[in-house]
Amino acid sequence: MVWLFRFLATVGFLGEHLPAPGTTVGSLVGLGLFLLFPDAGLRLAVGVGLTLLAPLVCGREAVRRGEVDPSPVVLDEVVGQWWALQIMAWAGVPFRTPWLVVGFGLFRLFDVLKPPPVRQAELLPGGLGIVADDLVAGLLAGLLGALVFRVWG
């Protein structure tokens, strides 16, 4: 079971063997996985499933490593990126490269800068805090991306 949690939390061990920052690669994996599910209902089900699973898996891996938010744990970035794109999709933003770049960039920006309430979400205990800041960053990025599309799209 420990192996499975480690595998999931590090997204197939990618987080442990990356030359680039794991957070960026985790976000790219989130974008890629999102695009693999063109059916809106299935995409929503996968997103909800990942979101419910991530706090448990990420929290257990953090405890195993003895760290609050270990850098190899990147499933939280997958979840945050997923919701940024999901919010934009619900707003009618097309799956075209410029808008995917906007969604990706806004999520990374919110994840790095951690403006309120992202920073506060990070303070939640255990796996919930590991995932909550990325989830909030994703929701904010998705809302801002949708707004940008409505204004300039």
N, C-alpha and C. Protein backbone atom coordinates (compact mmCIF):
# COMPACT_ATOMS: atom_id res chain seq x y z
N MET A 1 0.82 -1.20 0.00
CA MET A 1 0.00 0.00 0.00
C MET A 1 0.87 1.26 0.00
N VAL A 2 1.98 1.22 0.71
CA VAL A 2 2.89 2.37 0.75
C VAL A 2 3.38 2.69 -0.65
N TRP A 3 3.71 1.66 -1.41
CA TRP A 3 4.19 1.84 -2.79
C TRP A 3 3.14 2.53 -3.64
N LEU A 4 1.88 2.12 -3.51
CA LEU A 4 0.79 2.70 -4.29
C LEU A 4 0.60 4.18 -3.96
N PHE A 5 0.60 4.54 -2.69
CA PHE A 5 0.44 5.93 -2.30
C PHE A 5 1.60 6.77 -2.83
N ARG A 6 2.80 6.23 -2.73
CA ARG A 6 3.98 6.94 -3.25
C ARG A 6 3.86 7.12 -4.76
N PHE A 7 3.46 6.07 -5.46
CA PHE A 7 3.28 6.11 -6.91
C PHE A 7 2.27 7.19 -7.30
N LEU A 8 1.13 7.22 -6.64
CA LEU A 8 0.08 8.19 -6.96
C LEU A 8 0.50 9.61 -6.58
N ALA A 9 1.04 9.79 -5.39
CA ALA A 9 1.40 11.13 -4.92
C ALA A 9 2.47 11.78 -5.79
N THR A 10 3.39 10.96 -6.30
CA THR A 10 4.47 11.49 -7.13
C THR A 10 4.15 11.37 -8.62
N VAL A 11 2.91 11.02 -8.92
CA VAL A 11 2.40 10.86 -10.29
C VAL A 11 3.32 9.93 -11.09
N GLY A 12 3.29 8.69 -10.68
CA GLY A 12 4.10 7.68 -11.35
C GLY A 12 5.59 7.86 -11.14
N PHE A 13 5.96 8.40 -9.99
CA PHE A 13 7.35 8.67 -9.60
C PHE A 13 7.98 9.82 -10.39
N LEU A 14 7.20 10.53 -11.21
CA LEU A 14 7.74 11.68 -11.95
C LEU A 14 8.33 12.72 -11.01
N GLY A 15 7.62 12.97 -9.92
CA GLY A 15 8.08 13.98 -8.98
C GLY A 15 9.44 13.68 -8.36
N GLU A 16 9.85 12.43 -8.40
CA GLU A 16 11.13 12.04 -7.81
C GLU A 16 12.29 12.09 -8.81
N HIS A 17 11.99 12.18 -10.08
CA HIS A 17 13.04 12.05 -11.10
C HIS A 17 12.96 13.14 -12.15
N LEU A 18 12.77 14.37 -11.72
CA LEU A 18 12.58 15.45 -12.68
C LEU A 18 13.75 16.42 -12.69
N PRO A 19 14.19 16.80 -13.90
CA PRO A 19 15.20 17.85 -13.97
C PRO A 19 14.57 19.22 -13.75
N ALA A 20 13.30 19.38 -14.14
CA ALA A 20 12.59 20.64 -13.96
C ALA A 20 11.86 20.62 -12.62
N PRO A 21 11.43 21.78 -12.14
CA PRO A 21 10.65 21.78 -10.90
C PRO A 21 9.42 20.89 -11.01
N GLY A 22 9.22 20.07 -10.01
CA GLY A 22 8.10 19.14 -10.01
C GLY A 22 6.76 19.82 -10.13
N THR A 23 6.64 21.02 -9.57
CA THR A 23 5.36 21.70 -9.62
C THR A 23 4.97 22.03 -11.06
N THR A 24 5.94 22.45 -11.87
CA THR A 24 5.65 22.77 -13.26
C THR A 24 5.30 21.51 -14.04
N VAL A 25 6.04 20.45 -13.82
CA VAL A 25 5.76 19.20 -14.52
C VAL A 25 4.43 18.62 -14.06
N GLY A 26 4.13 18.71 -12.78
CA GLY A 26 2.84 18.26 -12.28
C GLY A 26 1.70 19.02 -12.94
N SER A 27 1.88 20.31 -13.14
CA SER A 27 0.87 21.12 -13.83
C SER A 27 0.72 20.69 -15.28
N LEU A 28 1.84 20.40 -15.94
CA LEU A 28 1.78 19.94 -17.33
C LEU A 28 1.07 18.59 -17.44
N VAL A 29 1.33 17.72 -16.47
CA VAL A 29 0.62 16.43 -16.44
C VAL A 29 -0.87 16.66 -16.25
N GLY A 30 -1.23 17.59 -15.37
CA GLY A 30 -2.64 17.92 -15.18
C GLY A 30 -3.29 18.41 -16.45
N LEU A 31 -2.61 19.25 -17.18
CA LEU A 31 -3.12 19.75 -18.45
C LEU A 31 -3.28 18.60 -19.44
N GLY A 32 -2.27 17.76 -19.56
CA GLY A 32 -2.33 16.63 -20.48
C GLY A 32 -3.44 15.65 -20.15
N LEU A 33 -3.58 15.32 -18.87
CA LEU A 33 -4.64 14.41 -18.46
C LEU A 33 -6.01 15.01 -18.73
N PHE A 34 -6.16 16.29 -18.47
CA PHE A 34 -7.43 16.97 -18.71
C PHE A 34 -7.83 16.83 -20.17
N LEU A 35 -6.87 17.01 -21.06
CA LEU A 35 -7.16 16.94 -22.50
C LEU A 35 -7.47 15.52 -22.96
N LEU A 36 -7.06 14.50 -22.19
CA LEU A 36 -7.35 13.12 -22.56
C LEU A 36 -8.83 12.76 -22.39
N PHE A 37 -9.58 13.61 -21.69
CA PHE A 37 -11.00 13.32 -21.42
C PHE A 37 -11.89 14.36 -22.08
N PRO A 38 -12.22 14.15 -23.37
CA PRO A 38 -13.04 15.15 -24.07
C PRO A 38 -14.51 15.15 -23.61
N ASP A 39 -14.98 14.03 -23.05
CA ASP A 39 -16.35 13.97 -22.57
C ASP A 39 -16.47 14.74 -21.25
N ALA A 40 -17.35 15.74 -21.22
CA ALA A 40 -17.46 16.63 -20.06
C ALA A 40 -17.84 15.87 -18.78
N GLY A 41 -18.74 14.91 -18.88
CA GLY A 41 -19.16 14.17 -17.70
C GLY A 41 -18.04 13.30 -17.14
N LEU A 42 -17.34 12.62 -18.01
CA LEU A 42 -16.22 11.79 -17.57
C LEU A 42 -15.09 12.65 -17.01
N ARG A 43 -14.86 13.79 -17.66
CA ARG A 43 -13.81 14.70 -17.19
C ARG A 43 -14.14 15.20 -15.78
N LEU A 44 -15.39 15.54 -15.54
CA LEU A 44 -15.80 15.99 -14.21
C LEU A 44 -15.64 14.87 -13.19
N ALA A 45 -16.04 13.66 -13.55
CA ALA A 45 -15.92 12.52 -12.63
C ALA A 45 -14.46 12.26 -12.27
N VAL A 46 -13.57 12.30 -13.25
CA VAL A 46 -12.15 12.08 -13.00
C VAL A 46 -11.61 13.20 -12.10
N GLY A 47 -12.00 14.44 -12.39
CA GLY A 47 -11.54 15.57 -11.58
C GLY A 47 -11.98 15.46 -10.13
N VAL A 48 -13.23 15.10 -9.92
CA VAL A 48 -13.74 14.93 -8.55
C VAL A 48 -13.02 13.77 -7.86
N GLY A 49 -12.83 12.67 -8.59
CA GLY A 49 -12.13 11.53 -8.02
C GLY A 49 -10.72 11.86 -7.60
N LEU A 50 -9.98 12.55 -8.48
CA LEU A 50 -8.61 12.96 -8.15
C LEU A 50 -8.59 13.89 -6.94
N THR A 51 -9.56 14.79 -6.89
CA THR A 51 -9.62 15.77 -5.80
C THR A 51 -9.91 15.10 -4.47
N LEU A 52 -10.75 14.10 -4.47
CA LEU A 52 -11.06 13.38 -3.23
C LEU A 52 -9.91 12.47 -2.80
N LEU A 53 -9.21 11.90 -3.75
CA LEU A 53 -8.11 10.99 -3.47
C LEU A 53 -6.83 11.72 -3.03
N ALA A 54 -6.59 12.87 -3.61
CA ALA A 54 -5.31 13.57 -3.42
C ALA A 54 -4.96 13.89 -1.97
N PRO A 55 -5.85 14.41 -1.14
CA PRO A 55 -5.44 14.71 0.24
C PRO A 55 -4.97 13.48 1.01
N LEU A 56 -5.64 12.36 0.83
CA LEU A 56 -5.25 11.13 1.51
C LEU A 56 -3.87 10.68 1.03
N VAL A 57 -3.70 10.59 -0.28
CA VAL A 57 -2.46 10.08 -0.86
C VAL A 57 -1.29 11.02 -0.56
N CYS A 58 -1.49 12.31 -0.79
CA CYS A 58 -0.42 13.28 -0.56
C CYS A 58 -0.07 13.38 0.93
N GLY A 59 -1.09 13.33 1.78
CA GLY A 59 -0.85 13.38 3.23
C GLY A 59 -0.07 12.18 3.73
N ARG A 60 -0.42 11.01 3.26
CA ARG A 60 0.31 9.80 3.68
C ARG A 60 1.75 9.82 3.21
N GLU A 61 1.96 10.30 1.97
CA GLU A 61 3.33 10.36 1.46
C GLU A 61 4.14 11.40 2.22
N ALA A 62 3.53 12.50 2.60
CA ALA A 62 4.23 13.52 3.38
C ALA A 62 4.66 12.96 4.74
N VAL A 63 3.77 12.22 5.38
CA VAL A 63 4.10 11.60 6.67
C VAL A 63 5.24 10.60 6.49
N ARG A 64 5.17 9.79 5.43
CA ARG A 64 6.22 8.80 5.19
C ARG A 64 7.57 9.47 5.01
N ARG A 65 7.59 10.63 4.36
CA ARG A 65 8.83 11.34 4.11
C ARG A 65 9.24 12.23 5.29
N GLY A 66 8.34 12.45 6.24
CA GLY A 66 8.64 13.30 7.38
C GLY A 66 8.72 14.77 7.02
N GLU A 67 7.96 15.19 6.02
CA GLU A 67 7.95 16.58 5.57
C GLU A 67 6.51 17.08 5.51
N VAL A 68 6.34 18.40 5.59
CA VAL A 68 4.99 18.97 5.54
C VAL A 68 4.43 18.91 4.12
N ASP A 69 5.22 19.31 3.13
CA ASP A 69 4.78 19.31 1.73
C ASP A 69 5.99 18.96 0.86
N PRO A 70 6.31 17.68 0.73
CA PRO A 70 7.51 17.28 0.00
C PRO A 70 7.44 17.65 -1.48
N SER A 71 8.56 18.14 -2.01
CA SER A 71 8.57 18.57 -3.42
C SER A 71 8.30 17.43 -4.41
N PRO A 72 8.66 16.18 -4.15
CA PRO A 72 8.32 15.13 -5.11
C PRO A 72 6.82 14.85 -5.23
N VAL A 73 6.04 15.28 -4.24
CA VAL A 73 4.59 15.07 -4.28
C VAL A 73 4.00 16.13 -5.22
N VAL A 74 3.51 15.67 -6.37
CA VAL A 74 3.01 16.60 -7.39
C VAL A 74 1.56 16.35 -7.78
N LEU A 75 0.90 15.38 -7.16
CA LEU A 75 -0.50 15.13 -7.47
C LEU A 75 -1.35 16.36 -7.16
N ASP A 76 -0.95 17.14 -6.16
CA ASP A 76 -1.69 18.36 -5.83
C ASP A 76 -1.66 19.36 -6.98
N GLU A 77 -0.55 19.43 -7.70
CA GLU A 77 -0.47 20.32 -8.87
C GLU A 77 -1.36 19.81 -10.00
N VAL A 78 -1.43 18.51 -10.17
CA VAL A 78 -2.32 17.94 -11.18
C VAL A 78 -3.76 18.36 -10.89
N VAL A 79 -4.16 18.25 -9.64
CA VAL A 79 -5.53 18.60 -9.24
C VAL A 79 -5.80 20.09 -9.43
N GLY A 80 -4.87 20.93 -8.99
CA GLY A 80 -5.07 22.37 -9.15
C GLY A 80 -5.17 22.79 -10.60
N GLN A 81 -4.28 22.26 -11.44
CA GLN A 81 -4.32 22.59 -12.86
C GLN A 81 -5.61 22.09 -13.50
N TRP A 82 -6.02 20.91 -13.10
CA TRP A 82 -7.26 20.32 -13.62
C TRP A 82 -8.44 21.26 -13.40
N TRP A 83 -8.56 21.80 -12.17
CA TRP A 83 -9.71 22.65 -11.86
C TRP A 83 -9.61 24.01 -12.51
N ALA A 84 -8.41 24.52 -12.73
CA ALA A 84 -8.28 25.77 -13.49
C ALA A 84 -8.88 25.58 -14.88
N LEU A 85 -8.54 24.48 -15.53
CA LEU A 85 -9.04 24.22 -16.88
C LEU A 85 -10.52 23.85 -16.87
N GLN A 86 -10.97 23.15 -15.82
CA GLN A 86 -12.38 22.78 -15.73
C GLN A 86 -13.27 24.01 -15.60
N ILE A 87 -12.88 24.95 -14.77
CA ILE A 87 -13.64 26.19 -14.62
C ILE A 87 -13.70 26.94 -15.95
N MET A 88 -12.56 27.02 -16.63
CA MET A 88 -12.53 27.70 -17.92
C MET A 88 -13.42 26.98 -18.94
N ALA A 89 -13.42 25.65 -18.92
CA ALA A 89 -14.27 24.88 -19.85
C ALA A 89 -15.74 25.16 -19.57
N TRP A 90 -16.13 25.19 -18.30
CA TRP A 90 -17.52 25.49 -17.96
C TRP A 90 -17.93 26.87 -18.44
N ALA A 91 -16.97 27.79 -18.50
CA ALA A 91 -17.26 29.15 -18.95
C ALA A 91 -17.25 29.26 -20.48
N GLY A 92 -17.00 28.15 -21.15
CA GLY A 92 -17.03 28.17 -22.61
C GLY A 92 -15.72 28.52 -23.28
N VAL A 93 -14.65 28.55 -22.53
CA VAL A 93 -13.33 28.84 -23.11
C VAL A 93 -12.93 27.64 -23.97
N PRO A 94 -12.56 27.88 -25.24
CA PRO A 94 -12.21 26.76 -26.13
C PRO A 94 -10.88 26.12 -25.78
N PHE A 95 -10.76 24.84 -26.10
CA PHE A 95 -9.51 24.10 -25.87
C PHE A 95 -8.55 24.39 -27.01
N ARG A 96 -8.09 25.61 -27.10
CA ARG A 96 -7.10 25.98 -28.10
C ARG A 96 -5.83 26.40 -27.39
N THR A 97 -4.73 26.24 -28.06
CA THR A 97 -3.42 26.46 -27.44
C THR A 97 -3.31 27.78 -26.69
N PRO A 98 -3.71 28.92 -27.26
CA PRO A 98 -3.53 30.16 -26.47
C PRO A 98 -4.27 30.13 -25.13
N TRP A 99 -5.46 29.56 -25.11
CA TRP A 99 -6.24 29.55 -23.87
C TRP A 99 -5.73 28.49 -22.90
N LEU A 100 -5.19 27.41 -23.42
CA LEU A 100 -4.57 26.43 -22.54
C LEU A 100 -3.33 27.02 -21.88
N VAL A 101 -2.60 27.82 -22.63
CA VAL A 101 -1.41 28.50 -22.09
C VAL A 101 -1.85 29.50 -21.02
N VAL A 102 -2.93 30.22 -21.26
CA VAL A 102 -3.45 31.17 -20.27
C VAL A 102 -3.84 30.42 -18.99
N GLY A 103 -4.57 29.33 -19.12
CA GLY A 103 -4.98 28.54 -17.96
C GLY A 103 -3.79 27.98 -17.20
N PHE A 104 -2.81 27.49 -17.93
CA PHE A 104 -1.59 26.96 -17.32
C PHE A 104 -0.83 28.07 -16.61
N GLY A 105 -0.63 29.18 -17.31
CA GLY A 105 0.15 30.29 -16.75
C GLY A 105 -0.50 30.91 -15.52
N LEU A 106 -1.82 31.08 -15.57
CA LEU A 106 -2.50 31.66 -14.42
C LEU A 106 -2.43 30.73 -13.21
N PHE A 107 -2.58 29.43 -13.44
CA PHE A 107 -2.46 28.51 -12.32
C PHE A 107 -1.07 28.57 -11.71
N ARG A 108 -0.04 28.53 -12.55
CA ARG A 108 1.34 28.59 -12.03
C ARG A 108 1.55 29.90 -11.26
N LEU A 109 1.02 31.00 -11.78
CA LEU A 109 1.17 32.31 -11.12
C LEU A 109 0.54 32.29 -9.72
N PHE A 110 -0.70 31.83 -9.63
CA PHE A 110 -1.37 31.77 -8.33
C PHE A 110 -0.69 30.77 -7.39
N ASP A 111 -0.19 29.68 -7.94
CA ASP A 111 0.47 28.66 -7.12
C ASP A 111 1.79 29.17 -6.56
N VAL A 112 2.51 29.97 -7.33
CA VAL A 112 3.81 30.50 -6.88
C VAL A 112 3.62 31.69 -5.94
N LEU A 113 2.77 32.63 -6.33
CA LEU A 113 2.60 33.85 -5.53
C LEU A 113 1.77 33.63 -4.27
N LYS A 114 0.87 32.67 -4.31
CA LYS A 114 0.01 32.32 -3.18
C LYS A 114 -0.68 33.53 -2.54
N PRO A 115 -1.46 34.26 -3.35
CA PRO A 115 -2.22 35.38 -2.78
C PRO A 115 -3.35 34.83 -1.89
N PRO A 116 -3.87 35.67 -0.98
CA PRO A 116 -5.03 35.20 -0.22
C PRO A 116 -6.17 34.86 -1.18
N PRO A 117 -6.86 33.81 -0.98
CA PRO A 117 -6.89 32.86 0.12
C PRO A 117 -6.03 31.61 -0.11
N VAL A 118 -5.16 31.63 -1.12
CA VAL A 118 -4.32 30.46 -1.42
C VAL A 118 -3.40 30.18 -0.24
N ARG A 119 -2.74 31.19 0.27
CA ARG A 119 -1.80 31.02 1.38
C ARG A 119 -2.51 30.45 2.61
N GLN A 120 -3.72 30.93 2.89
CA GLN A 120 -4.46 30.44 4.05
C GLN A 120 -4.86 28.98 3.87
N ALA A 121 -5.20 28.57 2.65
CA ALA A 121 -5.58 27.18 2.40
C ALA A 121 -4.40 26.24 2.65
N GLU A 122 -3.20 26.72 2.38
CA GLU A 122 -1.99 25.94 2.58
C GLU A 122 -1.76 25.60 4.05
N LEU A 123 -2.34 26.39 4.94
CA LEU A 123 -2.15 26.20 6.38
C LEU A 123 -3.03 25.11 6.98
N LEU A 124 -3.95 24.57 6.19
CA LEU A 124 -4.78 23.47 6.69
C LEU A 124 -3.88 22.27 7.00
N PRO A 125 -4.29 21.42 7.90
CA PRO A 125 -3.40 20.32 8.32
C PRO A 125 -3.27 19.20 7.28
N GLY A 126 -2.10 18.56 7.30
CA GLY A 126 -1.84 17.34 6.54
C GLY A 126 -2.08 17.45 5.05
N GLY A 127 -2.60 16.35 4.50
CA GLY A 127 -2.84 16.27 3.06
C GLY A 127 -3.84 17.29 2.58
N LEU A 128 -4.76 17.70 3.45
CA LEU A 128 -5.74 18.72 3.06
C LEU A 128 -5.04 20.03 2.71
N GLY A 129 -4.06 20.43 3.51
CA GLY A 129 -3.31 21.65 3.23
C GLY A 129 -2.44 21.54 2.00
N ILE A 130 -1.88 20.34 1.78
CA ILE A 130 -1.04 20.12 0.60
C ILE A 130 -1.85 20.34 -0.67
N VAL A 131 -3.09 19.88 -0.67
CA VAL A 131 -3.93 19.95 -1.86
C VAL A 131 -4.74 21.23 -1.91
N ALA A 132 -5.20 21.74 -0.77
CA ALA A 132 -6.13 22.87 -0.75
C ALA A 132 -5.54 24.13 -1.39
N ASP A 133 -4.27 24.43 -1.16
CA ASP A 133 -3.72 25.64 -1.77
C ASP A 133 -3.71 25.54 -3.28
N ASP A 134 -3.41 24.36 -3.82
CA ASP A 134 -3.42 24.18 -5.27
C ASP A 134 -4.84 24.20 -5.82
N LEU A 135 -5.76 23.65 -5.07
CA LEU A 135 -7.16 23.67 -5.48
C LEU A 135 -7.68 25.10 -5.54
N VAL A 136 -7.40 25.88 -4.51
CA VAL A 136 -7.84 27.28 -4.50
C VAL A 136 -7.15 28.08 -5.61
N ALA A 137 -5.84 27.82 -5.80
CA ALA A 137 -5.12 28.49 -6.89
C ALA A 137 -5.74 28.14 -8.23
N GLY A 138 -6.14 26.87 -8.40
CA GLY A 138 -6.77 26.44 -9.64
C GLY A 138 -8.12 27.10 -9.85
N LEU A 139 -8.91 27.19 -8.79
CA LEU A 139 -10.22 27.84 -8.92
C LEU A 139 -10.07 29.31 -9.27
N LEU A 140 -9.14 30.00 -8.61
CA LEU A 140 -8.90 31.42 -8.93
C LEU A 140 -8.39 31.59 -10.37
N ALA A 141 -7.47 30.73 -10.77
CA ALA A 141 -6.93 30.79 -12.13
C ALA A 141 -8.03 30.54 -13.15
N GLY A 142 -8.88 29.56 -12.88
CA GLY A 142 -9.97 29.27 -13.80
C GLY A 142 -10.95 30.43 -13.92
N LEU A 143 -11.29 31.03 -12.81
CA LEU A 143 -12.20 32.19 -12.84
C LEU A 143 -11.59 33.36 -13.58
N LEU A 144 -10.32 33.65 -13.30
CA LEU A 144 -9.66 34.76 -13.99
C LEU A 144 -9.49 34.44 -15.48
N GLY A 145 -9.13 33.20 -15.80
CA GLY A 145 -9.01 32.80 -17.21
C GLY A 145 -10.33 32.95 -17.95
N ALA A 146 -11.42 32.57 -17.31
CA ALA A 146 -12.75 32.72 -17.92
C ALA A 146 -13.08 34.19 -18.12
N LEU A 147 -12.76 35.01 -17.14
CA LEU A 147 -13.00 36.45 -17.26
C LEU A 147 -12.19 37.06 -18.39
N VAL A 148 -10.92 36.69 -18.47
CA VAL A 148 -10.06 37.18 -19.56
C VAL A 148 -10.64 36.77 -20.90
N PHE A 149 -11.11 35.55 -21.01
CA PHE A 149 -11.71 35.09 -22.27
C PHE A 149 -12.94 35.90 -22.61
N ARG A 150 -13.80 36.15 -21.61
CA ARG A 150 -15.03 36.92 -21.87
C ARG A 150 -14.72 38.34 -22.30
N VAL A 151 -13.66 38.92 -21.78
CA VAL A 151 -13.30 40.30 -22.12
C VAL A 151 -12.57 40.37 -23.46
N TRP A 152 -11.58 39.48 -23.67
CA TRP A 152 -10.72 39.58 -24.85
C TRP A 152 -10.88 38.43 -25.85
N GLY A 153 -11.63 37.39 -25.49
CA GLY A 153 -11.71 36.21 -26.34
C GLY A 153 -12.53 36.41 -27.57
